[in-house]
C-alpha atoms as a PDB file:
ATOM      1  CA  MET A   1       8.609  -7.453  42.203  1.00  0.00           C
ATOM      2  CA  ARG A   2       8.987  -6.581  38.510  1.00  0.00           C
ATOM      3  CA  LYS A   3      10.737  -3.531  37.372  1.00  0.00           C
ATOM      4  CA  VAL A   4      10.499  -2.307  33.531  1.00  0.00           C
ATOM      5  CA  LEU A   5      13.453  -0.123  32.796  1.00  0.00           C
ATOM      6  CA  LEU A   6      13.877   1.738  29.598  1.00  0.00           C
ATOM      7  CA  VAL A   7      17.709   1.764  29.191  1.00  0.00           C
ATOM      8  CA  PRO A   8      19.458   3.899  26.686  1.00  0.00           C
ATOM      9  CA  ALA A   9      22.102   1.890  25.003  1.00  0.00           C
ATOM     10  CA  LEU A  10      24.845   4.042  26.205  1.00  0.00           C
ATOM     11  CA  LEU A  11      23.836   3.661  29.942  1.00  0.00           C
ATOM     12  CA  MET A  12      23.415  -0.141  29.417  1.00  0.00           C
ATOM     13  CA  LEU A  13      26.974  -0.406  27.987  1.00  0.00           C
ATOM     14  CA  VAL A  14      28.143   1.364  30.982  1.00  0.00           C
ATOM     15  CA  CYS A  15      26.405  -1.017  33.309  1.00  0.00           C
ATOM     16  CA  LEU A  16      27.925  -4.014  31.464  1.00  0.00           C
ATOM     17  CA  MET A  17      31.493  -2.268  31.540  1.00  0.00           C
ATOM     18  CA  HIS A  18      31.393  -1.544  35.195  1.00  0.00           C
ATOM     19  CA  THR A  19      29.520  -2.685  38.260  1.00  0.00           C
ATOM     20  CA  PRO A  20      26.064  -4.089  37.785  1.00  0.00           C
ATOM     21  CA  CYS A  21      23.382  -1.390  37.733  1.00  0.00           C
ATOM     22  CA  PHE A  22      20.632  -3.729  38.746  1.00  0.00           C
ATOM     23  CA  ALA A  23      19.828  -5.967  41.728  1.00  0.00           C
ATOM     24  CA  ASP A  24      21.880  -9.239  41.711  1.00  0.00           C
ATOM     25  CA  ASP A  25      18.852 -11.297  42.977  1.00  0.00           C
ATOM     26  CA  ALA A  26      16.548 -10.229  40.280  1.00  0.00           C
ATOM     27  CA  ILE A  27      16.321 -12.226  36.851  1.00  0.00           C
ATOM     28  CA  ARG A  28      17.057  -9.783  34.172  1.00  0.00           C
ATOM     29  CA  PHE A  29      15.346 -10.031  30.829  1.00  0.00           C
ATOM     30  CA  GLY A  30      16.471  -8.368  27.652  1.00  0.00           C
ATOM     31  CA  VAL A  31      13.553  -6.966  25.848  1.00  0.00           C
ATOM     32  CA  PRO A  32      13.748  -5.314  22.438  1.00  0.00           C
ATOM     33  CA  PRO A  33      10.839  -2.633  21.855  1.00  0.00           C
ATOM     34  CA  TRP A  34       8.742  -5.091  19.907  1.00  0.00           C
ATOM     35  CA  PRO A  35       5.061  -5.766  20.662  1.00  0.00           C
ATOM     36  CA  GLY A  36       5.258  -9.548  20.625  1.00  0.00           C
ATOM     37  CA  VAL A  37       8.437  -9.771  22.647  1.00  0.00           C
ATOM     38  CA  THR A  38       7.140  -7.081  25.120  1.00  0.00           C
ATOM     39  CA  VAL A  39       4.120  -9.123  26.022  1.00  0.00           C
ATOM     40  CA  LYS A  40       5.774 -12.442  25.722  1.00  0.00           C
ATOM     41  CA  THR A  41       8.252 -11.240  28.401  1.00  0.00           C
ATOM     42  CA  GLU A  42       5.510  -9.944  30.321  1.00  0.00           C
ATOM     43  CA  VAL A  43       3.688 -13.229  30.447  1.00  0.00           C
ATOM     44  CA  ALA A  44       6.990 -14.944  31.514  1.00  0.00           C
ATOM     45  CA  THR A  45       7.845 -12.573  34.226  1.00  0.00           C
ATOM     46  CA  GLN A  46       4.385 -12.271  35.958  1.00  0.00           C
ATOM     47  CA  ILE A  47       4.455 -16.150  35.943  1.00  0.00           C
ATOM     48  CA  LEU A  48       7.909 -16.042  37.559  1.00  0.00           C
ATOM     49  CA  GLU A  49       6.821 -13.508  40.057  1.00  0.00           C
ATOM     50  CA  ALA A  50       4.180 -15.614  41.101  1.00  0.00           C
ATOM     51  CA  MET A  51       6.701 -18.317  41.704  1.00  0.00           C
ATOM     52  CA  GLY A  52       8.649 -15.878  44.081  1.00  0.00           C
ATOM     53  CA  TYR A  53      11.294 -14.444  41.931  1.00  0.00           C
ATOM     54  CA  GLU A  54      11.990 -10.728  41.222  1.00  0.00           C
ATOM     55  CA  THR A  55      12.426  -9.834  37.611  1.00  0.00           C
ATOM     56  CA  VAL A  56      13.633  -6.628  35.781  1.00  0.00           C
ATOM     57  CA  GLN A  57      13.006  -5.952  31.996  1.00  0.00           C
ATOM     58  CA  LEU A  58      15.691  -4.025  30.289  1.00  0.00           C
ATOM     59  CA  GLU A  59      14.280  -2.413  27.129  1.00  0.00           C
ATOM     60  CA  VAL A  60      17.496  -2.478  24.919  1.00  0.00           C
ATOM     61  CA  GLY A  61      18.128  -3.713  21.410  1.00  0.00           C
ATOM     62  CA  PRO A  62      19.354  -7.092  20.511  1.00  0.00           C
ATOM     63  CA  PRO A  63      23.275  -6.181  20.079  1.00  0.00           C
ATOM     64  CA  VAL A  64      23.320  -4.887  23.648  1.00  0.00           C
ATOM     65  CA  ILE A  65      21.488  -8.056  24.777  1.00  0.00           C
ATOM     66  CA  TYR A  66      24.018 -10.314  23.313  1.00  0.00           C
ATOM     67  CA  GLU A  67      26.610  -8.445  24.846  1.00  0.00           C
ATOM     68  CA  GLY A  68      24.949  -8.476  28.286  1.00  0.00           C
ATOM     69  CA  ILE A  69      23.987 -12.025  28.177  1.00  0.00           C
ATOM     70  CA  THR A  70      27.816 -12.870  27.727  1.00  0.00           C
ATOM     71  CA  THR A  71      28.759 -10.993  30.788  1.00  0.00           C
ATOM     72  CA  ASP A  72      25.908 -12.153  33.016  1.00  0.00           C
ATOM     73  CA  ASP A  73      24.319  -8.837  33.067  1.00  0.00           C
ATOM     74  CA  ILE A  74      21.366 -10.021  31.325  1.00  0.00           C
ATOM     75  CA  ASP A  75      19.986 -13.345  32.406  1.00  0.00           C
ATOM     76  CA  ALA A  76      17.276 -14.153  29.883  1.00  0.00           C
ATOM     77  CA  TYR A  77      16.037 -13.305  26.389  1.00  0.00           C
ATOM     78  CA  VAL A  78      12.980 -14.775  24.799  1.00  0.00           C
ATOM     79  CA  ALA A  79      13.413 -13.089  21.288  1.00  0.00           C
ATOM     80  CA  ALA A  80      16.339 -14.751  19.456  1.00  0.00           C
ATOM     81  CA  TRP A  81      14.865 -14.826  16.086  1.00  0.00           C
ATOM     82  CA  LEU A  82      16.526 -17.031  13.665  1.00  0.00           C
ATOM     83  CA  PRO A  83      17.882 -16.713  10.905  1.00  0.00           C
ATOM     84  CA  ALA A  84      17.473 -12.982  11.261  1.00  0.00           C
ATOM     85  CA  GLN A  85      19.788 -12.641  14.170  1.00  0.00           C
ATOM     86  CA  ILE A  86      22.129 -15.366  13.123  1.00  0.00           C
ATOM     87  CA  ASP A  87      25.131 -13.020  12.672  1.00  0.00           C
ATOM     88  CA  MET A  88      24.870 -11.787  16.421  1.00  0.00           C
ATOM     89  CA  TYR A  89      23.860 -15.154  17.681  1.00  0.00           C
ATOM     90  CA  THR A  90      26.539 -17.632  16.204  1.00  0.00           C
ATOM     91  CA  PRO A  91      29.789 -16.156  17.594  1.00  0.00           C
ATOM     92  CA  VAL A  92      28.138 -15.708  20.941  1.00  0.00           C
ATOM     93  CA  LEU A  93      26.897 -19.238  21.146  1.00  0.00           C
ATOM     94  CA  GLU A  94      30.266 -20.689  19.847  1.00  0.00           C
ATOM     95  CA  ALA A  95      32.019 -18.733  22.705  1.00  0.00           C
ATOM     96  CA  GLY A  96      29.759 -20.435  25.117  1.00  0.00           C
ATOM     97  CA  GLY A  97      28.048 -17.071  26.039  1.00  0.00           C
ATOM     98  CA  PHE A  98      24.701 -18.485  26.630  1.00  0.00           C
ATOM     99  CA  GLU A  99      22.648 -21.635  26.628  1.00  0.00           C
ATOM    100  CA  VAL A 100      19.573 -22.425  24.486  1.00  0.00           C
ATOM    101  CA  ALA A 101      16.733 -23.173  27.072  1.00  0.00           C
ATOM    102  CA  ALA A 102      14.040 -23.838  24.296  1.00  0.00           C
ATOM    103  CA  VAL A 103      12.505 -22.964  20.989  1.00  0.00           C
ATOM    104  CA  ASN A 104       9.607 -20.776  22.321  1.00  0.00           C
ATOM    105  CA  LEU A 105       7.969 -20.302  18.815  1.00  0.00           C
ATOM    106  CA  GLU A 106       8.366 -22.795  15.931  1.00  0.00           C
ATOM    107  CA  ASP A 107       5.889 -21.328  13.249  1.00  0.00           C
ATOM    108  CA  ALA A 108       7.104 -17.782  12.665  1.00  0.00           C
ATOM    109  CA  LEU A 109       7.016 -16.683   9.013  1.00  0.00           C
ATOM    110  CA  ILE A 110       8.173 -13.539   7.013  1.00  0.00           C
ATOM    111  CA  GLY A 111       6.868 -13.262   3.403  1.00  0.00           C
ATOM    112  CA  ILE A 112       4.114 -11.896   1.103  1.00  0.00           C
ATOM    113  CA  ALA A 113       0.414 -12.126   1.447  1.00  0.00           C
ATOM    114  CA  VAL A 114      -2.745 -11.168  -0.555  1.00  0.00           C
ATOM    115  CA  PRO A 115      -6.323 -10.953   0.763  1.00  0.00           C
ATOM    116  CA  THR A 116      -8.052 -14.273   0.942  1.00  0.00           C
ATOM    117  CA  TYR A 117     -10.322 -13.652  -1.940  1.00  0.00           C
ATOM    118  CA  VAL A 118      -7.332 -13.297  -4.239  1.00  0.00           C
ATOM    119  CA  TYR A 119      -5.793 -16.421  -2.734  1.00  0.00           C
ATOM    120  CA  GLU A 120      -9.056 -18.210  -3.409  1.00  0.00           C
ATOM    121  CA  ALA A 121      -8.936 -17.001  -7.084  1.00  0.00           C
ATOM    122  CA  GLY A 122      -5.681 -18.813  -7.727  1.00  0.00           C
ATOM    123  CA  VAL A 123      -2.809 -16.540  -6.390  1.00  0.00           C
ATOM    124  CA  THR A 124      -1.384 -19.093  -3.933  1.00  0.00           C
ATOM    125  CA  THR A 125       2.322 -18.730  -4.648  1.00  0.00           C
ATOM    126  CA  MET A 126       4.910 -15.984  -5.510  1.00  0.00           C
ATOM    127  CA  ALA A 127       4.998 -17.399  -9.047  1.00  0.00           C
ATOM    128  CA  ASP A 128       1.502 -16.751  -9.628  1.00  0.00           C
ATOM    129  CA  LEU A 129       1.730 -12.905  -9.208  1.00  0.00           C
ATOM    130  CA  ASP A 130       2.896 -11.842 -12.438  1.00  0.00           C
ATOM    131  CA  ALA A 131       0.113 -13.577 -14.510  1.00  0.00           C
ATOM    132  CA  HIS A 132      -2.123 -11.087 -12.678  1.00  0.00           C
ATOM    133  CA  ALA A 133       0.342  -8.029 -12.651  1.00  0.00           C
ATOM    134  CA  ASP A 134      -2.451  -5.654 -14.078  1.00  0.00           C
ATOM    135  CA  LYS A 135      -4.784  -6.485 -11.315  1.00  0.00           C
ATOM    136  CA  PHE A 136      -1.972  -5.616  -8.875  1.00  0.00           C
ATOM    137  CA  ASN A 137      -1.030  -2.660 -10.670  1.00  0.00           C
ATOM    138  CA  HIS A 138       2.411  -4.183 -10.892  1.00  0.00           C
ATOM    139  CA  THR A 139       3.063  -3.155  -7.325  1.00  0.00           C
ATOM    140  CA  ILE A 140       3.874  -4.805  -4.087  1.00  0.00           C
ATOM    141  CA  LEU A 141       3.051  -2.848  -0.844  1.00  0.00           C
ATOM    142  CA  SER A 142       6.113  -2.885   1.389  1.00  0.00           C
ATOM    143  CA  ILE A 143       7.567  -1.694   4.607  1.00  0.00           C
ATOM    144  CA  GLU A 144      10.312   0.885   5.065  1.00  0.00           C
ATOM    145  CA  VAL A 145      13.268   1.338   2.785  1.00  0.00           C
ATOM    146  CA  GLY A 146      16.320  -0.240   4.333  1.00  0.00           C
ATOM    147  CA  SER A 147      14.503  -3.018   6.016  1.00  0.00           C
ATOM    148  CA  GLY A 148      15.387  -6.606   5.181  1.00  0.00           C
ATOM    149  CA  MET A 149      12.111  -7.243   3.555  1.00  0.00           C
ATOM    150  CA  HIS A 150      12.330  -4.205   1.355  1.00  0.00           C
ATOM    151  CA  THR A 151      15.862  -4.938   0.366  1.00  0.00           C
ATOM    152  CA  SER A 152      14.924  -8.510  -0.492  1.00  0.00           C
ATOM    153  CA  THR A 153      11.877  -7.448  -2.644  1.00  0.00           C
ATOM    154  CA  GLU A 154      14.295  -4.971  -4.236  1.00  0.00           C
ATOM    155  CA  ALA A 155      16.596  -7.756  -5.331  1.00  0.00           C
ATOM    156  CA  LEU A 156      13.753  -9.932  -6.531  1.00  0.00           C
ATOM    157  CA  ILE A 157      12.684  -6.924  -8.820  1.00  0.00           C
ATOM    158  CA  ALA A 158      16.282  -6.239  -9.906  1.00  0.00           C
ATOM    159  CA  ASN A 159      16.848  -9.690 -10.940  1.00  0.00           C
ATOM    160  CA  ASP A 160      13.390 -10.388 -12.498  1.00  0.00           C
ATOM    161  CA  VAL A 161      12.647 -13.277 -10.303  1.00  0.00           C
ATOM    162  CA  VAL A 162       9.226 -14.943 -11.219  1.00  0.00           C
ATOM    163  CA  GLY A 163       8.543 -12.219 -13.528  1.00  0.00           C
ATOM    164  CA  LEU A 164       8.713  -9.283 -11.307  1.00  0.00           C
ATOM    165  CA  GLY A 165      11.130  -7.279 -13.335  1.00  0.00           C
ATOM    166  CA  ASP A 166       8.696  -4.878 -14.247  1.00  0.00           C
ATOM    167  CA  TRP A 167       7.035  -4.472 -10.818  1.00  0.00           C
ATOM    168  CA  THR A 168       7.635  -1.809  -8.339  1.00  0.00           C
ATOM    169  CA  GLN A 169       7.325  -1.453  -4.599  1.00  0.00           C
ATOM    170  CA  SER A 170       5.427   1.116  -2.684  1.00  0.00           C
ATOM    171  CA  SER A 171       7.085   1.754   0.635  1.00  0.00           C
ATOM    172  CA  SER A 172       5.876   3.167   3.962  1.00  0.00           C
ATOM    173  CA  THR A 173       5.770   2.310   7.635  1.00  0.00           C
ATOM    174  CA  THR A 174       3.943  -0.725   8.748  1.00  0.00           C
ATOM    175  CA  PRO A 175       0.814   1.078  10.058  1.00  0.00           C
ATOM    176  CA  VAL A 176       0.512   3.134   6.871  1.00  0.00           C
ATOM    177  CA  MET A 177       0.872  -0.099   4.623  1.00  0.00           C
ATOM    178  CA  LEU A 178      -1.526  -2.108   6.564  1.00  0.00           C
ATOM    179  CA  SER A 179      -4.028   0.940   6.454  1.00  0.00           C
ATOM    180  CA  VAL A 180      -3.681   1.002   2.691  1.00  0.00           C
ATOM    181  CA  VAL A 181      -4.192  -2.928   2.579  1.00  0.00           C
ATOM    182  CA  GLU A 182      -7.337  -2.533   4.320  1.00  0.00           C
ATOM    183  CA  ASP A 183      -8.583   0.281   2.269  1.00  0.00           C
ATOM    184  CA  HIS A 184      -8.095  -2.028  -0.984  1.00  0.00           C
ATOM    185  CA  ILE A 185      -9.669  -4.973   0.763  1.00  0.00           C
ATOM    186  CA  GLU A 186     -12.891  -2.767   1.592  1.00  0.00           C
ATOM    187  CA  ALA A 187     -12.868  -1.792  -2.007  1.00  0.00           C
ATOM    188  CA  GLY A 188     -12.459  -5.409  -3.304  1.00  0.00           C
ATOM    189  CA  ASP A 189      -9.099  -4.641  -4.971  1.00  0.00           C
ATOM    190  CA  TRP A 190      -6.344  -7.131  -5.719  1.00  0.00           C
ATOM    191  CA  VAL A 191      -3.460  -6.217  -3.475  1.00  0.00           C
ATOM    192  CA  VAL A 192      -0.116  -7.761  -2.580  1.00  0.00           C
ATOM    193  CA  PHE A 193       2.022  -6.810   0.568  1.00  0.00           C
ATOM    194  CA  HIS A 194       4.639  -7.543   2.927  1.00  0.00           C
ATOM    195  CA  ALA A 195       3.465  -9.688   5.878  1.00  0.00           C
ATOM    196  CA  TRP A 196       4.838 -11.750   8.766  1.00  0.00           C
ATOM    197  CA  LYS A 197       3.539 -13.632  11.867  1.00  0.00           C
ATOM    198  CA  PRO A 198       3.209 -13.368  14.659  1.00  0.00           C
ATOM    199  CA  HIS A 199       1.506  -9.956  14.034  1.00  0.00           C
ATOM    200  CA  TRP A 200      -1.948  -8.400  14.713  1.00  0.00           C
ATOM    201  CA  MET A 201      -2.518  -8.142  10.881  1.00  0.00           C
ATOM    202  CA  THR A 202      -3.076 -12.069  10.909  1.00  0.00           C
ATOM    203  CA  ILE A 203      -6.153 -11.409  13.177  1.00  0.00           C
ATOM    204  CA  GLN A 204      -7.221  -8.132  11.849  1.00  0.00           C
ATOM    205  CA  ILE A 205      -6.907  -8.844   8.361  1.00  0.00           C
ATOM    206  CA  ASP A 206      -8.493 -11.708   6.276  1.00  0.00           C
ATOM    207  CA  MET A 207      -5.388 -12.844   4.412  1.00  0.00           C
ATOM    208  CA  LYS A 208      -3.214 -15.692   3.228  1.00  0.00           C
ATOM    209  CA  PHE A 209       0.429 -16.036   2.897  1.00  0.00           C
ATOM    210  CA  LEU A 210       1.997 -16.905  -0.644  1.00  0.00           C
ATOM    211  CA  GLU A 211       4.048 -19.933  -0.878  1.00  0.00           C
ATOM    212  CA  GLY A 212       7.661 -19.256  -1.722  1.00  0.00           C
ATOM    213  CA  VAL A 213       9.246 -20.680  -4.959  1.00  0.00           C
ATOM    214  CA  GLU A 214      12.843 -21.085  -6.026  1.00  0.00           C
ATOM    215  CA  GLY A 215      14.496 -17.762  -5.993  1.00  0.00           C
ATOM    216  CA  THR A 216      12.216 -16.165  -3.362  1.00  0.00           C
ATOM    217  CA  GLU A 217      14.032 -17.690  -0.424  1.00  0.00           C
ATOM    218  CA  ASN A 218      15.539 -14.436   0.929  1.00  0.00           C
ATOM    219  CA  LEU A 219      11.996 -12.921   1.186  1.00  0.00           C
ATOM    220  CA  VAL A 220       9.743 -15.912   2.034  1.00  0.00           C
ATOM    221  CA  THR A 221      11.386 -17.328   5.193  1.00  0.00           C
ATOM    222  CA  GLU A 222      10.193 -19.509   7.924  1.00  0.00           C
ATOM    223  CA  SER A 223      11.719 -18.470  11.317  1.00  0.00           C
ATOM    224  CA  THR A 224      12.167 -19.818  14.892  1.00  0.00           C
ATOM    225  CA  VAL A 225      12.416 -18.006  18.025  1.00  0.00           C
ATOM    226  CA  GLU A 226      14.561 -19.155  20.848  1.00  0.00           C
ATOM    227  CA  THR A 227      14.826 -18.535  24.521  1.00  0.00           C
ATOM    228  CA  LEU A 228      18.350 -17.787  25.577  1.00  0.00           C
ATOM    229  CA  VAL A 229      19.645 -17.864  29.234  1.00  0.00           C
ATOM    230  CA  SER A 230      23.079 -16.964  30.609  1.00  0.00           C
ATOM    231  CA  SER A 231      25.452 -19.921  31.023  1.00  0.00           C
ATOM    232  CA  ASP A 232      24.897 -20.287  34.787  1.00  0.00           C
ATOM    233  CA  PHE A 233      21.293 -19.463  34.730  1.00  0.00           C
ATOM    234  CA  ASN A 234      20.113 -23.085  35.569  1.00  0.00           C
ATOM    235  CA  GLU A 235      22.485 -23.133  38.617  1.00  0.00           C
ATOM    236  CA  GLN A 236      21.167 -19.768  39.890  1.00  0.00           C
ATOM    237  CA  TYR A 237      17.554 -20.219  39.169  1.00  0.00           C
ATOM    238  CA  PRO A 238      16.636 -23.998  38.620  1.00  0.00           C
ATOM    239  CA  GLU A 239      12.951 -23.608  38.931  1.00  0.00           C
ATOM    240  CA  ALA A 240      12.941 -20.472  36.700  1.00  0.00           C
ATOM    241  CA  TYR A 241      15.040 -22.494  34.164  1.00  0.00           C
ATOM    242  CA  ALA A 242      12.662 -25.381  34.288  1.00  0.00           C
ATOM    243  CA  PHE A 243       9.724 -22.995  33.510  1.00  0.00           C
ATOM    244  CA  LEU A 244      11.509 -21.434  30.694  1.00  0.00           C
ATOM    245  CA  LYS A 245      12.204 -24.825  28.973  1.00  0.00           C
ATOM    246  CA  ASN A 246       8.662 -25.512  28.878  1.00  0.00           C
ATOM    247  CA  PHE A 247       7.540 -21.918  27.852  1.00  0.00           C
ATOM    248  CA  VAL A 248       6.516 -22.457  24.293  1.00  0.00           C
ATOM    249  CA  VAL A 249       3.790 -20.605  22.337  1.00  0.00           C
ATOM    250  CA  THR A 250       2.143 -20.446  18.807  1.00  0.00           C
ATOM    251  CA  SER A 251       2.047 -17.637  16.379  1.00  0.00           C
ATOM    252  CA  GLU A 252      -1.675 -17.517  16.924  1.00  0.00           C
ATOM    253  CA  ILE A 253      -1.287 -16.848  20.735  1.00  0.00           C
ATOM    254  CA  GLN A 254       1.473 -14.397  20.137  1.00  0.00           C
ATOM    255  CA  SER A 255      -0.402 -12.692  17.187  1.00  0.00           C
ATOM    256  CA  LEU A 256      -3.396 -12.334  19.814  1.00  0.00           C
ATOM    257  CA  TRP A 257      -1.090 -10.595  22.377  1.00  0.00           C
ATOM    258  CA  ILE A 258       0.349  -8.423  19.701  1.00  0.00           C
ATOM    259  CA  HIS A 259      -3.352  -7.457  18.648  1.00  0.00           C
ATOM    260  CA  ASN A 260      -4.330  -6.663  22.056  1.00  0.00           C
ATOM    261  CA  TYR A 261      -1.280  -4.541  22.866  1.00  0.00           C
ATOM    262  CA  GLY A 262      -0.234  -3.157  19.552  1.00  0.00           C
ATOM    263  CA  PHE A 263      -3.621  -2.666  17.916  1.00  0.00           C
ATOM    264  CA  GLU A 264      -6.220  -2.397  20.802  1.00  0.00           C
ATOM    265  CA  GLU A 265      -3.600  -0.508  22.786  1.00  0.00           C
ATOM    266  CA  ILE A 266      -4.068  -2.504  25.969  1.00  0.00           C
ATOM    267  CA  ALA A 267      -1.193  -2.037  28.412  1.00  0.00           C
ATOM    268  CA  PRO A 268       1.053  -5.189  28.213  1.00  0.00           C
ATOM    269  CA  GLU A 269       0.662  -5.935  32.016  1.00  0.00           C
ATOM    270  CA  THR A 270      -3.156  -6.135  31.468  1.00  0.00           C
ATOM    271  CA  VAL A 271      -2.826  -8.303  28.291  1.00  0.00           C
ATOM    272  CA  ALA A 272      -0.362 -10.691  30.093  1.00  0.00           C
ATOM    273  CA  HIS A 273      -2.508 -10.863  33.339  1.00  0.00           C
ATOM    274  CA  ASN A 274      -5.933 -11.385  31.441  1.00  0.00           C
ATOM    275  CA  TRP A 275      -4.354 -14.041  29.162  1.00  0.00           C
ATOM    276  CA  ILE A 276      -2.722 -15.929  32.085  1.00  0.00           C
ATOM    277  CA  ALA A 277      -5.962 -15.864  34.126  1.00  0.00           C
ATOM    278  CA  ALA A 278      -8.062 -17.204  30.966  1.00  0.00           C
ATOM    279  CA  ASN A 279      -5.470 -19.876  30.003  1.00  0.00           C
ATOM    280  CA  LEU A 280      -4.443 -21.600  33.358  1.00  0.00           C
ATOM    281  CA  ASP A 281      -4.594 -24.846  31.550  1.00  0.00           C
ATOM    282  CA  THR A 282      -1.958 -23.835  29.178  1.00  0.00           C
ATOM    283  CA  VAL A 283       0.180 -22.393  31.995  1.00  0.00           C
ATOM    284  CA  GLU A 284      -0.107 -25.621  33.848  1.00  0.00           C
ATOM    285  CA  GLY A 285       1.532 -27.328  31.001  1.00  0.00           C
ATOM    286  CA  TRP A 286       4.336 -25.014  31.304  1.00  0.00           C
ATOM    287  CA  LEU A 287       4.766 -25.578  34.924  1.00  0.00           C
ATOM    288  CA  GLN A 288       4.660 -29.418  35.026  1.00  0.00           C
ATOM    289  CA  GLY A 289       7.075 -30.536  37.598  1.00  0.00           C
ATOM    290  CA  VAL A 290       8.049 -26.775  38.331  1.00  0.00           C
ATOM    291  CA  ASN A 291       8.208 -25.591  42.022  1.00  0.00           C
ATOM    292  CA  THR A 292       8.184 -22.106  43.489  1.00  0.00           C
ATOM    293  CA  VAL A 293      11.051 -20.498  45.065  1.00  0.00           C
ATOM    294  CA  SER A 294       9.747 -21.905  48.338  1.00  0.00           C
ATOM    295  CA  GLY A 295       9.269 -25.544  47.079  1.00  0.00           C
ATOM    296  CA  GLU A 296       5.575 -25.579  46.609  1.00  0.00           C
ATOM    297  CA  PRO A 297       3.942 -26.539  43.169  1.00  0.00           C
ATOM    298  CA  ALA A 298       4.377 -23.470  40.846  1.00  0.00           C
ATOM    299  CA  ILE A 299       0.884 -24.009  39.350  1.00  0.00           C
ATOM    300  CA  ASP A 300      -0.721 -23.660  42.719  1.00  0.00           C
ATOM    301  CA  ALA A 301       0.906 -20.420  43.294  1.00  0.00           C
ATOM    302  CA  VAL A 302      -0.161 -19.010  39.882  1.00  0.00           C
ATOM    303  CA  ARG A 303      -3.785 -20.315  40.129  1.00  0.00           C
ATOM    304  CA  ALA A 304      -3.832 -18.580  43.657  1.00  0.00           C
ATOM    305  CA  ALA A 305      -2.783 -15.303  42.046  1.00  0.00           C
ATOM    306  CA  TYR A 306      -5.048 -15.277  39.060  1.00  0.00           C
ATOM    307  CA  GLU A 307      -8.241 -17.116  39.838  1.00  0.00           C
END
């Protein structure tokens, strides 16, 4: 049985400081409120449930998750984004607070994008932007002030990197920014905007990422995402551990999950269930040599639950 709990940070900290608030026999996942992580965790927990485990999803932020995994109050976390979380990650890793079970996503990317027709017209790198500044109205569409991407773009402009010194950025929320991008594309305009993957934008929008050049490293960054487990997880849940070591996805798969949940507004439980049922061959690869709690082949239990 799975439980999804929206846990206020203060309550979670109380749980970590005193007696456990959740069942000792359930595998407790820390889940930040990000669409891709929500569905990824849901896929993992549904498979684990078919294997005979109980799971709990604790919807809390990364700082609480890193604290919880050191005290064994959180068992697993499938959203350790690096290098973005490196300041939280490194001291806990060095203290032996968790084990890295796997890199579950290798091709995450944060950067700048343009419509495909602009890319095909010759704007393929960050260094190409300023030669066409008038077509872009000297403007980069960006996400919220205070975000890492906004701050990095601000620094590029302030330091006149790749000729962007006379550019500005127009900031808004991600949904508003992407709505404006789609309006520009419908009109055939040239537009450049903050982008990342996995995200539903890579499915919904015909777009290309620009290649980074010297000086743009703080904005255009490749990322990986790791699955972390508590230091005694393998001993407590050996078959779950074997599954999580094999649980690897691509940006394309996770972008589809985000599109279905974040754009189409399909419940994450439904997104996960439908995807597992339609992709049992992929799931079989994750479950090679893995058994259920009762010792049967895990893939047989999953197929019985989803076919």
